Each structure stands twice: as C-alpha cells, then as structure tokens.
Amino acid sequence: MDRVLTIPNAISAARIAGVPVFLWLVLGPRTAAADDWAVGILMAAGLSDWLDGKIARALNQGSRLGQVLDPAADRLYIAATIVALAVRGIIPWWLVAVLALRELTVGVALAVLRRRAGLGTLQVSLVGKGATMCLLYAFPLLFLGAHHGTLATVARVIGWAFAVWGTALYWWAAALYLAQVRSLVSRSASA
C-alpha cells in the first residue's frame, strides 16, 4: 500500500502535468487548432482517470500516494477547466462560484477531520465518481459548443446537461462526505 512507483501513479502524475499545457492551449493561442488540442487533453484526462483505477485494481497497485494523486488530478482539471472556460466566456462565473463553494465546504470538513480525529482521508463515493465523470464530460462538450454550427449546438446542449447533473451530484457527494466527517468525529470523541 506504500508503493510510489506504480503504473496508476504514473498515469495520475501525467494527468497533473497536463494541466498547465491545457491552460496554455485554452488561454494562450485561442485558435481552433489549440482548442482542438485542449479538448483532446481533457478527453485524455477523463479516460486516464478511469484507466488508472482499472489498472490499480487489476494489477493490485493501489497506494496511499494514488489515493491522493487521483482525486488531486481530478480537482486540478476541474478547477483549471472551469476558470479557463469562464475567462473565455464559455461558462458563467456563477457556475465557478457554485463549484468552488463545494470544494471549500469539503476542504473545511477535511480540515476538521484532520484536526479532531487525526484522520485525513474519506471514502470516495460512487456519487462523487459520477459527479467527476459528468463534469469531465461536460467541459469538453461546452468547449466544443462554444463554436458555430449544428454539432456545436448539440455539444452545448449535452454539455449543459452533464454540467447540471455533475454539479448536483458534486453537491450530493459533498453531503455524503460531510456525513462521513460527522460520523468519524463523533466516533473519535466517544472513544
């Protein structure tokens, strides 16, 4: 469980390394080719998110580092993507605020957990994985939907559907995390 050099950890590290490249492509050149590459990076990040988990289970390469790297990569991509898309005017800033408030809420809960119970991790829920998946699908579609044409319109509609569902699931997962924190803190206090 304490392994560092594993295939899933390498995949997660590569995902994290892709974040600045993605940001440069979205905010720098602002050309159709750069946008296409940025969407490709987002799609690869989504695929690799699924792949590193599959490989970790199949090869028994789960690790504590992987438990940190994988969600960190997810959060970095979500944060980078929503800010970049808001800067480009593709999504509204209120969506950035709603998602950032959720991250702040969970972050405060984790800080309480670490301080009071001495425990620093929570069990990832299927709802949280579903939320991440929806948001990782939503952003490339919304990005593609910012262009003109019938395919762009279809991408925009489907992208917003994923964004709405992903945001709702993201908050549902936050509620589940808060319940876990409350339970762990209560158990720790009674022990």
N, C-alpha and C. Protein backbone atom coordinates (compact mmCIF):
# COMPACT_ATOMS: atom_id res chain seq x y z
N MET A 1 0.81 -1.21 0.00
CA MET A 1 0.00 0.00 0.00
C MET A 1 0.86 1.27 0.00
N ASP A 2 2.13 1.15 0.36
CA ASP A 2 3.00 2.32 0.42
C ASP A 2 3.84 2.51 -0.84
N ARG A 3 3.50 1.80 -1.90
CA ARG A 3 4.28 1.91 -3.13
C ARG A 3 4.11 3.28 -3.77
N VAL A 4 5.17 3.75 -4.39
CA VAL A 4 5.14 5.04 -5.08
C VAL A 4 5.22 4.84 -6.59
N LEU A 5 6.16 4.01 -7.03
CA LEU A 5 6.38 3.81 -8.46
C LEU A 5 5.45 2.73 -8.98
N THR A 6 4.24 3.17 -9.37
CA THR A 6 3.26 2.25 -9.93
C THR A 6 2.73 2.85 -11.23
N ILE A 7 2.17 2.01 -12.05
CA ILE A 7 1.58 2.48 -13.32
C ILE A 7 0.46 3.49 -13.05
N PRO A 8 -0.49 3.21 -12.13
CA PRO A 8 -1.56 4.19 -11.88
C PRO A 8 -1.03 5.53 -11.37
N ASN A 9 0.00 5.50 -10.51
CA ASN A 9 0.58 6.76 -10.03
C ASN A 9 1.23 7.54 -11.16
N ALA A 10 1.87 6.84 -12.09
CA ALA A 10 2.48 7.50 -13.25
C ALA A 10 1.41 8.13 -14.12
N ILE A 11 0.29 7.43 -14.31
CA ILE A 11 -0.81 7.98 -15.10
C ILE A 11 -1.37 9.23 -14.43
N SER A 12 -1.58 9.17 -13.11
CA SER A 12 -2.10 10.34 -12.39
C SER A 12 -1.11 11.50 -12.45
N ALA A 13 0.18 11.22 -12.32
CA ALA A 13 1.19 12.29 -12.41
C ALA A 13 1.19 12.91 -13.80
N ALA A 14 1.04 12.09 -14.84
CA ALA A 14 0.97 12.62 -16.20
C ALA A 14 -0.27 13.49 -16.38
N ARG A 15 -1.39 13.07 -15.77
CA ARG A 15 -2.60 13.90 -15.84
C ARG A 15 -2.34 15.26 -15.21
N ILE A 16 -1.70 15.27 -14.06
CA ILE A 16 -1.42 16.54 -13.38
C ILE A 16 -0.49 17.40 -14.24
N ALA A 17 0.51 16.78 -14.87
CA ALA A 17 1.43 17.53 -15.74
C ALA A 17 0.72 18.13 -16.95
N GLY A 18 -0.41 17.54 -17.35
CA GLY A 18 -1.16 18.06 -18.48
C GLY A 18 -1.96 19.32 -18.18
N VAL A 19 -2.17 19.63 -16.90
CA VAL A 19 -2.99 20.80 -16.54
C VAL A 19 -2.40 22.11 -17.08
N PRO A 20 -1.11 22.41 -16.86
CA PRO A 20 -0.60 23.67 -17.41
C PRO A 20 -0.61 23.72 -18.93
N VAL A 21 -0.42 22.57 -19.57
CA VAL A 21 -0.48 22.53 -21.03
C VAL A 21 -1.89 22.88 -21.49
N PHE A 22 -2.88 22.27 -20.84
CA PHE A 22 -4.27 22.57 -21.15
C PHE A 22 -4.55 24.06 -20.98
N LEU A 23 -4.14 24.63 -19.86
CA LEU A 23 -4.39 26.06 -19.61
C LEU A 23 -3.74 26.93 -20.68
N TRP A 24 -2.52 26.60 -21.06
CA TRP A 24 -1.86 27.40 -22.09
C TRP A 24 -2.63 27.31 -23.41
N LEU A 25 -3.09 26.11 -23.76
CA LEU A 25 -3.83 25.94 -25.02
C LEU A 25 -5.14 26.72 -25.01
N VAL A 26 -5.83 26.75 -23.88
CA VAL A 26 -7.13 27.44 -23.81
C VAL A 26 -6.96 28.95 -23.73
N LEU A 27 -6.00 29.39 -22.94
CA LEU A 27 -5.88 30.83 -22.68
C LEU A 27 -4.83 31.53 -23.55
N GLY A 28 -3.95 30.77 -24.15
CA GLY A 28 -2.87 31.37 -24.95
C GLY A 28 -3.27 31.65 -26.38
N PRO A 29 -3.08 30.69 -27.28
CA PRO A 29 -3.26 30.95 -28.71
C PRO A 29 -4.69 31.31 -29.13
N ARG A 30 -5.67 30.69 -28.51
CA ARG A 30 -7.09 30.89 -28.86
C ARG A 30 -7.34 30.69 -30.35
N THR A 31 -6.79 29.62 -30.86
CA THR A 31 -7.04 29.23 -32.25
C THR A 31 -7.85 27.94 -32.24
N ALA A 32 -8.45 27.62 -33.37
CA ALA A 32 -9.23 26.39 -33.48
C ALA A 32 -8.35 25.17 -33.22
N ALA A 33 -7.14 25.17 -33.72
CA ALA A 33 -6.23 24.04 -33.51
C ALA A 33 -5.88 23.89 -32.04
N ALA A 34 -5.60 25.01 -31.36
CA ALA A 34 -5.29 24.95 -29.93
C ALA A 34 -6.50 24.46 -29.14
N ASP A 35 -7.69 24.92 -29.52
CA ASP A 35 -8.91 24.45 -28.86
C ASP A 35 -9.09 22.95 -29.04
N ASP A 36 -8.82 22.46 -30.24
CA ASP A 36 -8.94 21.02 -30.51
C ASP A 36 -7.96 20.23 -29.63
N TRP A 37 -6.73 20.71 -29.52
CA TRP A 37 -5.75 20.04 -28.67
C TRP A 37 -6.19 20.08 -27.20
N ALA A 38 -6.73 21.21 -26.77
CA ALA A 38 -7.19 21.33 -25.38
C ALA A 38 -8.31 20.34 -25.09
N VAL A 39 -9.25 20.21 -26.02
CA VAL A 39 -10.33 19.24 -25.85
C VAL A 39 -9.75 17.83 -25.81
N GLY A 40 -8.76 17.56 -26.65
CA GLY A 40 -8.10 16.25 -26.65
C GLY A 40 -7.45 15.95 -25.30
N ILE A 41 -6.82 16.96 -24.71
CA ILE A 41 -6.20 16.76 -23.39
C ILE A 41 -7.27 16.48 -22.34
N LEU A 42 -8.38 17.21 -22.40
CA LEU A 42 -9.46 16.94 -21.45
C LEU A 42 -10.02 15.53 -21.61
N MET A 43 -10.19 15.11 -22.85
CA MET A 43 -10.69 13.76 -23.10
C MET A 43 -9.69 12.72 -22.60
N ALA A 44 -8.42 12.94 -22.85
CA ALA A 44 -7.39 12.01 -22.38
C ALA A 44 -7.36 11.98 -20.84
N ALA A 45 -7.57 13.13 -20.22
CA ALA A 45 -7.59 13.17 -18.75
C ALA A 45 -8.77 12.36 -18.21
N GLY A 46 -9.91 12.49 -18.85
CA GLY A 46 -11.08 11.72 -18.42
C GLY A 46 -10.86 10.23 -18.60
N LEU A 47 -10.31 9.84 -19.73
CA LEU A 47 -10.04 8.42 -20.00
C LEU A 47 -8.99 7.87 -19.03
N SER A 48 -7.94 8.65 -18.80
CA SER A 48 -6.88 8.17 -17.91
C SER A 48 -7.36 8.10 -16.46
N ASP A 49 -8.35 8.92 -16.08
CA ASP A 49 -8.94 8.85 -14.74
C ASP A 49 -9.57 7.47 -14.54
N TRP A 50 -10.28 7.01 -15.53
CA TRP A 50 -10.89 5.68 -15.48
C TRP A 50 -9.81 4.60 -15.53
N LEU A 51 -8.82 4.80 -16.43
CA LEU A 51 -7.81 3.79 -16.66
C LEU A 51 -6.93 3.54 -15.45
N ASP A 52 -6.52 4.60 -14.74
CA ASP A 52 -5.62 4.37 -13.60
C ASP A 52 -6.30 3.57 -12.50
N GLY A 53 -7.60 3.78 -12.31
CA GLY A 53 -8.33 2.98 -11.33
C GLY A 53 -8.44 1.52 -11.74
N LYS A 54 -8.73 1.30 -13.02
CA LYS A 54 -8.82 -0.07 -13.54
C LYS A 54 -7.49 -0.80 -13.37
N ILE A 55 -6.40 -0.14 -13.74
CA ILE A 55 -5.08 -0.75 -13.64
C ILE A 55 -4.71 -1.00 -12.18
N ALA A 56 -5.02 -0.05 -11.31
CA ALA A 56 -4.70 -0.22 -9.89
C ALA A 56 -5.38 -1.47 -9.32
N ARG A 57 -6.64 -1.66 -9.70
CA ARG A 57 -7.36 -2.85 -9.20
C ARG A 57 -6.86 -4.12 -9.88
N ALA A 58 -6.67 -4.08 -11.18
CA ALA A 58 -6.28 -5.28 -11.93
C ALA A 58 -4.88 -5.77 -11.54
N LEU A 59 -3.96 -4.85 -11.31
CA LEU A 59 -2.58 -5.23 -11.00
C LEU A 59 -2.26 -5.13 -9.50
N ASN A 60 -3.31 -4.89 -8.71
CA ASN A 60 -3.13 -4.72 -7.26
C ASN A 60 -2.05 -3.67 -6.97
N GLN A 61 -2.17 -2.51 -7.63
CA GLN A 61 -1.20 -1.44 -7.46
C GLN A 61 -1.80 -0.21 -6.77
N GLY A 62 -2.78 -0.46 -5.91
CA GLY A 62 -3.32 0.64 -5.12
C GLY A 62 -2.26 1.15 -4.16
N SER A 63 -2.27 2.44 -3.89
CA SER A 63 -1.28 3.01 -2.97
C SER A 63 -1.86 4.24 -2.29
N ARG A 64 -1.23 4.60 -1.18
CA ARG A 64 -1.65 5.83 -0.49
C ARG A 64 -1.41 7.05 -1.37
N LEU A 65 -0.28 7.04 -2.07
CA LEU A 65 0.01 8.15 -2.98
C LEU A 65 -1.07 8.24 -4.06
N GLY A 66 -1.48 7.11 -4.59
CA GLY A 66 -2.54 7.09 -5.60
C GLY A 66 -3.85 7.62 -5.08
N GLN A 67 -4.13 7.35 -3.79
CA GLN A 67 -5.36 7.86 -3.17
C GLN A 67 -5.34 9.38 -3.06
N VAL A 68 -4.16 9.97 -3.11
CA VAL A 68 -4.03 11.43 -3.07
C VAL A 68 -3.93 11.99 -4.49
N LEU A 69 -3.09 11.36 -5.33
CA LEU A 69 -2.85 11.87 -6.68
C LEU A 69 -4.11 11.87 -7.55
N ASP A 70 -4.86 10.77 -7.53
CA ASP A 70 -6.01 10.65 -8.41
C ASP A 70 -7.06 11.73 -8.15
N PRO A 71 -7.54 11.91 -6.90
CA PRO A 71 -8.51 13.00 -6.70
C PRO A 71 -7.90 14.38 -6.89
N ALA A 72 -6.59 14.51 -6.59
CA ALA A 72 -5.94 15.82 -6.82
C ALA A 72 -5.94 16.16 -8.30
N ALA A 73 -5.65 15.17 -9.14
CA ALA A 73 -5.68 15.41 -10.59
C ALA A 73 -7.09 15.79 -11.04
N ASP A 74 -8.09 15.10 -10.53
CA ASP A 74 -9.48 15.43 -10.87
C ASP A 74 -9.80 16.87 -10.50
N ARG A 75 -9.46 17.24 -9.28
CA ARG A 75 -9.79 18.58 -8.81
C ARG A 75 -9.02 19.65 -9.59
N LEU A 76 -7.75 19.36 -9.89
CA LEU A 76 -6.97 20.33 -10.67
C LEU A 76 -7.57 20.55 -12.06
N TYR A 77 -7.97 19.45 -12.71
CA TYR A 77 -8.57 19.59 -14.04
C TYR A 77 -9.90 20.34 -13.96
N ILE A 78 -10.70 20.01 -12.97
CA ILE A 78 -12.00 20.69 -12.84
C ILE A 78 -11.77 22.17 -12.57
N ALA A 79 -10.88 22.49 -11.63
CA ALA A 79 -10.63 23.90 -11.31
C ALA A 79 -10.05 24.65 -12.51
N ALA A 80 -9.04 24.08 -13.13
CA ALA A 80 -8.41 24.74 -14.29
C ALA A 80 -9.40 24.93 -15.42
N THR A 81 -10.22 23.92 -15.64
CA THR A 81 -11.17 23.98 -16.75
C THR A 81 -12.25 25.01 -16.51
N ILE A 82 -12.83 25.02 -15.30
CA ILE A 82 -13.92 25.98 -15.08
C ILE A 82 -13.41 27.41 -15.11
N VAL A 83 -12.23 27.64 -14.56
CA VAL A 83 -11.69 29.01 -14.60
C VAL A 83 -11.36 29.41 -16.04
N ALA A 84 -10.71 28.51 -16.78
CA ALA A 84 -10.36 28.83 -18.18
C ALA A 84 -11.60 29.06 -19.03
N LEU A 85 -12.62 28.21 -18.84
CA LEU A 85 -13.84 28.39 -19.64
C LEU A 85 -14.59 29.66 -19.23
N ALA A 86 -14.52 30.03 -17.95
CA ALA A 86 -15.15 31.28 -17.53
C ALA A 86 -14.40 32.48 -18.09
N VAL A 87 -13.07 32.42 -18.08
CA VAL A 87 -12.28 33.51 -18.65
C VAL A 87 -12.60 33.69 -20.13
N ARG A 88 -12.79 32.58 -20.83
CA ARG A 88 -13.13 32.62 -22.25
C ARG A 88 -14.60 32.99 -22.49
N GLY A 89 -15.41 33.08 -21.42
CA GLY A 89 -16.82 33.43 -21.57
C GLY A 89 -17.69 32.26 -22.01
N ILE A 90 -17.20 31.03 -21.87
CA ILE A 90 -17.95 29.85 -22.30
C ILE A 90 -18.93 29.40 -21.23
N ILE A 91 -18.55 29.54 -19.97
CA ILE A 91 -19.47 29.25 -18.86
C ILE A 91 -19.56 30.49 -17.99
N PRO A 92 -20.66 30.64 -17.27
CA PRO A 92 -20.80 31.82 -16.41
C PRO A 92 -20.00 31.68 -15.11
N TRP A 93 -19.65 32.81 -14.54
CA TRP A 93 -18.87 32.82 -13.31
C TRP A 93 -19.65 32.24 -12.13
N TRP A 94 -20.99 32.28 -12.17
CA TRP A 94 -21.75 31.71 -11.06
C TRP A 94 -21.52 30.21 -10.94
N LEU A 95 -21.31 29.53 -12.07
CA LEU A 95 -21.01 28.10 -12.02
C LEU A 95 -19.66 27.87 -11.34
N VAL A 96 -18.70 28.73 -11.64
CA VAL A 96 -17.39 28.65 -10.98
C VAL A 96 -17.59 28.80 -9.46
N ALA A 97 -18.41 29.77 -9.06
CA ALA A 97 -18.64 30.01 -7.63
C ALA A 97 -19.33 28.82 -6.96
N VAL A 98 -20.32 28.22 -7.62
CA VAL A 98 -21.03 27.07 -7.05
C VAL A 98 -20.08 25.89 -6.85
N LEU A 99 -19.24 25.62 -7.82
CA LEU A 99 -18.30 24.50 -7.72
C LEU A 99 -17.18 24.82 -6.72
N ALA A 100 -16.72 26.07 -6.68
CA ALA A 100 -15.67 26.45 -5.73
C ALA A 100 -16.20 26.38 -4.30
N LEU A 101 -17.44 26.78 -4.09
CA LEU A 101 -18.04 26.71 -2.75
C LEU A 101 -18.12 25.27 -2.27
N ARG A 102 -18.41 24.36 -3.17
CA ARG A 102 -18.44 22.93 -2.81
C ARG A 102 -17.06 22.48 -2.39
N GLU A 103 -16.03 22.86 -3.14
CA GLU A 103 -14.66 22.47 -2.78
C GLU A 103 -14.26 23.06 -1.43
N LEU A 104 -14.65 24.29 -1.19
CA LEU A 104 -14.35 24.93 0.09
C LEU A 104 -15.05 24.21 1.24
N THR A 105 -16.31 23.83 1.03
CA THR A 105 -17.07 23.11 2.04
C THR A 105 -16.40 21.79 2.40
N VAL A 106 -16.04 21.02 1.40
CA VAL A 106 -15.38 19.73 1.64
C VAL A 106 -14.00 19.95 2.25
N GLY A 107 -13.29 20.99 1.80
CA GLY A 107 -11.97 21.29 2.36
C GLY A 107 -12.03 21.61 3.84
N VAL A 108 -13.01 22.39 4.26
CA VAL A 108 -13.19 22.72 5.68
C VAL A 108 -13.51 21.45 6.46
N ALA A 109 -14.38 20.61 5.92
CA ALA A 109 -14.73 19.35 6.58
C ALA A 109 -13.50 18.47 6.77
N LEU A 110 -12.65 18.40 5.74
CA LEU A 110 -11.43 17.61 5.85
C LEU A 110 -10.48 18.18 6.90
N ALA A 111 -10.40 19.51 6.97
CA ALA A 111 -9.56 20.15 7.98
C ALA A 111 -10.05 19.80 9.38
N VAL A 112 -11.36 19.83 9.59
CA VAL A 112 -11.94 19.45 10.87
C VAL A 112 -11.61 17.99 11.19
N LEU A 113 -11.74 17.14 10.19
CA LEU A 113 -11.45 15.72 10.37
C LEU A 113 -10.00 15.51 10.79
N ARG A 114 -9.10 16.16 10.11
CA ARG A 114 -7.68 16.00 10.44
C ARG A 114 -7.36 16.52 11.84
N ARG A 115 -7.96 17.65 12.18
CA ARG A 115 -7.65 18.28 13.47
C ARG A 115 -8.25 17.50 14.63
N ARG A 116 -9.50 17.10 14.51
CA ARG A 116 -10.19 16.45 15.63
C ARG A 116 -9.97 14.96 15.71
N ALA A 117 -10.01 14.30 14.59
CA ALA A 117 -9.97 12.84 14.63
C ALA A 117 -8.60 12.28 14.26
N GLY A 118 -7.73 13.11 13.73
CA GLY A 118 -6.43 12.61 13.32
C GLY A 118 -6.47 11.78 12.05
N LEU A 119 -7.60 11.78 11.38
CA LEU A 119 -7.76 11.02 10.13
C LEU A 119 -7.83 12.01 9.00
N GLY A 120 -7.20 11.69 7.87
CA GLY A 120 -7.15 12.67 6.79
C GLY A 120 -7.85 12.30 5.52
N THR A 121 -8.37 11.08 5.41
CA THR A 121 -8.99 10.70 4.14
C THR A 121 -10.41 10.21 4.36
N LEU A 122 -11.22 10.37 3.35
CA LEU A 122 -12.60 9.89 3.36
C LEU A 122 -12.75 8.86 2.26
N GLN A 123 -13.72 8.00 2.41
CA GLN A 123 -14.02 7.02 1.38
C GLN A 123 -14.67 7.73 0.20
N VAL A 124 -14.13 7.51 -0.98
CA VAL A 124 -14.70 8.10 -2.19
C VAL A 124 -16.00 7.37 -2.49
N SER A 125 -17.03 8.12 -2.83
CA SER A 125 -18.34 7.51 -3.09
C SER A 125 -18.58 7.37 -4.58
N LEU A 126 -19.47 6.48 -4.91
CA LEU A 126 -19.87 6.31 -6.30
C LEU A 126 -20.51 7.59 -6.82
N VAL A 127 -21.21 8.30 -5.95
CA VAL A 127 -21.82 9.58 -6.33
C VAL A 127 -20.74 10.59 -6.72
N GLY A 128 -19.67 10.62 -5.93
CA GLY A 128 -18.56 11.53 -6.23
C GLY A 128 -17.88 11.18 -7.54
N LYS A 129 -17.70 9.88 -7.78
CA LYS A 129 -17.11 9.45 -9.06
C LYS A 129 -18.02 9.82 -10.22
N GLY A 130 -19.33 9.65 -10.03
CA GLY A 130 -20.29 10.02 -11.07
C GLY A 130 -20.28 11.51 -11.34
N ALA A 131 -20.16 12.30 -10.28
CA ALA A 131 -20.10 13.76 -10.43
C ALA A 131 -18.87 14.16 -11.23
N THR A 132 -17.74 13.58 -10.86
CA THR A 132 -16.50 13.89 -11.58
C THR A 132 -16.61 13.50 -13.05
N MET A 133 -17.17 12.31 -13.30
CA MET A 133 -17.34 11.87 -14.68
C MET A 133 -18.23 12.84 -15.46
N CYS A 134 -19.35 13.23 -14.87
CA CYS A 134 -20.24 14.17 -15.56
C CYS A 134 -19.54 15.48 -15.88
N LEU A 135 -18.80 16.01 -14.91
CA LEU A 135 -18.12 17.28 -15.13
C LEU A 135 -16.99 17.14 -16.16
N LEU A 136 -16.30 16.00 -16.12
CA LEU A 136 -15.23 15.80 -17.11
C LEU A 136 -15.79 15.60 -18.52
N TYR A 137 -17.04 15.14 -18.62
CA TYR A 137 -17.72 15.09 -19.93
C TYR A 137 -18.25 16.47 -20.31
N ALA A 138 -18.78 17.19 -19.33
CA ALA A 138 -19.42 18.47 -19.59
C ALA A 138 -18.47 19.49 -20.19
N PHE A 139 -17.29 19.61 -19.62
CA PHE A 139 -16.41 20.71 -20.01
C PHE A 139 -15.91 20.62 -21.44
N PRO A 140 -15.47 19.45 -21.93
CA PRO A 140 -15.08 19.42 -23.34
C PRO A 140 -16.27 19.70 -24.27
N LEU A 141 -17.44 19.19 -23.88
CA LEU A 141 -18.63 19.44 -24.71
C LEU A 141 -18.99 20.92 -24.72
N LEU A 142 -18.92 21.57 -23.57
CA LEU A 142 -19.20 23.01 -23.53
C LEU A 142 -18.15 23.78 -24.32
N PHE A 143 -16.93 23.33 -24.25
CA PHE A 143 -15.85 23.96 -25.01
C PHE A 143 -16.12 23.82 -26.50
N LEU A 144 -16.49 22.62 -26.93
CA LEU A 144 -16.83 22.42 -28.35
C LEU A 144 -18.09 23.20 -28.72
N GLY A 145 -19.01 23.32 -27.78
CA GLY A 145 -20.25 24.04 -28.03
C GLY A 145 -20.08 25.54 -28.17
N ALA A 146 -18.92 26.04 -27.83
CA ALA A 146 -18.66 27.48 -27.96
C ALA A 146 -18.41 27.89 -29.41
N HIS A 147 -18.28 26.92 -30.28
CA HIS A 147 -18.05 27.20 -31.70
C HIS A 147 -19.40 27.28 -32.43
N HIS A 148 -19.39 27.42 -33.74
CA HIS A 148 -20.61 27.58 -34.51
C HIS A 148 -20.96 26.30 -35.25
N GLY A 149 -22.26 26.16 -35.52
CA GLY A 149 -22.71 25.02 -36.31
C GLY A 149 -23.62 24.09 -35.51
N THR A 150 -24.22 23.16 -36.22
CA THR A 150 -25.17 22.25 -35.62
C THR A 150 -24.51 21.35 -34.58
N LEU A 151 -23.33 20.82 -34.91
CA LEU A 151 -22.63 19.96 -33.95
C LEU A 151 -22.28 20.73 -32.68
N ALA A 152 -21.91 21.98 -32.82
CA ALA A 152 -21.60 22.81 -31.66
C ALA A 152 -22.84 23.00 -30.79
N THR A 153 -23.99 23.21 -31.43
CA THR A 153 -25.23 23.38 -30.68
C THR A 153 -25.58 22.12 -29.91
N VAL A 154 -25.46 20.98 -30.56
CA VAL A 154 -25.73 19.70 -29.90
C VAL A 154 -24.75 19.49 -28.75
N ALA A 155 -23.48 19.77 -28.97
CA ALA A 155 -22.47 19.63 -27.92
C ALA A 155 -22.78 20.53 -26.74
N ARG A 156 -23.22 21.75 -27.01
CA ARG A 156 -23.55 22.71 -25.95
C ARG A 156 -24.72 22.20 -25.10
N VAL A 157 -25.77 21.69 -25.75
CA VAL A 157 -26.94 21.19 -25.02
C VAL A 157 -26.55 19.99 -24.15
N ILE A 158 -25.85 19.04 -24.74
CA ILE A 158 -25.44 17.85 -23.98
C ILE A 158 -24.45 18.25 -22.89
N GLY A 159 -23.55 19.17 -23.20
CA GLY A 159 -22.59 19.65 -22.21
C GLY A 159 -23.26 20.28 -21.01
N TRP A 160 -24.30 21.10 -21.26
CA TRP A 160 -25.01 21.71 -20.13
C TRP A 160 -25.78 20.67 -19.33
N ALA A 161 -26.31 19.65 -19.97
CA ALA A 161 -26.98 18.57 -19.25
C ALA A 161 -25.99 17.89 -18.30
N PHE A 162 -24.80 17.56 -18.81
CA PHE A 162 -23.78 16.96 -17.96
C PHE A 162 -23.34 17.92 -16.85
N ALA A 163 -23.24 19.21 -17.16
CA ALA A 163 -22.81 20.19 -16.16
C ALA A 163 -23.83 20.30 -15.03
N VAL A 164 -25.11 20.32 -15.37
CA VAL A 164 -26.15 20.42 -14.34
C VAL A 164 -26.16 19.17 -13.47
N TRP A 165 -26.16 18.00 -14.11
CA TRP A 165 -26.14 16.74 -13.35
C TRP A 165 -24.86 16.63 -12.54
N GLY A 166 -23.74 16.96 -13.14
CA GLY A 166 -22.46 16.87 -12.43
C GLY A 166 -22.41 17.78 -11.22
N THR A 167 -22.93 18.99 -11.36
CA THR A 167 -22.94 19.93 -10.23
C THR A 167 -23.84 19.42 -9.12
N ALA A 168 -25.02 18.91 -9.47
CA ALA A 168 -25.93 18.36 -8.46
C ALA A 168 -25.30 17.16 -7.76
N LEU A 169 -24.69 16.26 -8.52
CA LEU A 169 -24.03 15.10 -7.92
C LEU A 169 -22.82 15.52 -7.08
N TYR A 170 -22.12 16.55 -7.51
CA TYR A 170 -20.96 17.06 -6.79
C TYR A 170 -21.37 17.51 -5.38
N TRP A 171 -22.51 18.21 -5.31
CA TRP A 171 -23.01 18.65 -4.01
C TRP A 171 -23.56 17.49 -3.20
N TRP A 172 -24.18 16.52 -3.85
CA TRP A 172 -24.67 15.34 -3.16
C TRP A 172 -23.47 14.59 -2.54
N ALA A 173 -22.41 14.45 -3.31
CA ALA A 173 -21.20 13.80 -2.79
C ALA A 173 -20.64 14.59 -1.61
N ALA A 174 -20.69 15.91 -1.68
CA ALA A 174 -20.23 16.74 -0.56
C ALA A 174 -21.05 16.44 0.69
N ALA A 175 -22.36 16.29 0.52
CA ALA A 175 -23.22 15.96 1.67
C ALA A 175 -22.82 14.60 2.26
N LEU A 176 -22.51 13.64 1.40
CA LEU A 176 -22.07 12.33 1.87
C LEU A 176 -20.73 12.44 2.61
N TYR A 177 -19.81 13.26 2.10
CA TYR A 177 -18.53 13.46 2.77
C TYR A 177 -18.74 14.12 4.14
N LEU A 178 -19.63 15.10 4.20
CA LEU A 178 -19.91 15.76 5.47
C LEU A 178 -20.49 14.78 6.48
N ALA A 179 -21.34 13.87 6.02
CA ALA A 179 -21.90 12.84 6.91
C ALA A 179 -20.78 11.92 7.41
N GLN A 180 -19.84 11.56 6.55
CA GLN A 180 -18.70 10.73 6.97
C GLN A 180 -17.87 11.45 8.02
N VAL A 181 -17.61 12.74 7.80
CA VAL A 181 -16.81 13.51 8.74
C VAL A 181 -17.51 13.56 10.09
N ARG A 182 -18.80 13.82 10.06
CA ARG A 182 -19.57 13.89 11.31
C ARG A 182 -19.50 12.56 12.06
N SER A 183 -19.67 11.47 11.35
CA SER A 183 -19.62 10.15 11.96
C SER A 183 -18.24 9.85 12.55
N LEU A 184 -17.18 10.14 11.79
CA LEU A 184 -15.83 9.88 12.27
C LEU A 184 -15.47 10.74 13.47
N VAL A 185 -15.86 12.01 13.44
CA VAL A 185 -15.58 12.89 14.56
C VAL A 185 -16.35 12.44 15.79
N SER A 186 -17.61 12.02 15.60
CA SER A 186 -18.41 11.53 16.74
C SER A 186 -17.78 10.28 17.35
N ARG A 187 -17.36 9.34 16.49
CA ARG A 187 -16.71 8.10 16.97
C ARG A 187 -15.43 8.42 17.71
N SER A 188 -14.66 9.37 17.16
CA SER A 188 -13.39 9.74 17.78
C SER A 188 -13.62 10.39 19.13
N ALA A 189 -14.66 11.20 19.25
CA ALA A 189 -14.95 11.88 20.51
C ALA A 189 -15.43 10.91 21.58
N SER A 190 -16.14 9.85 21.16
CA SER A 190 -16.66 8.89 22.12
C SER A 190 -15.65 7.82 22.50
N ALA A 191 -14.53 7.75 21.75
CA ALA A 191 -13.53 6.71 22.02
C ALA A 191 -12.59 7.08 23.15
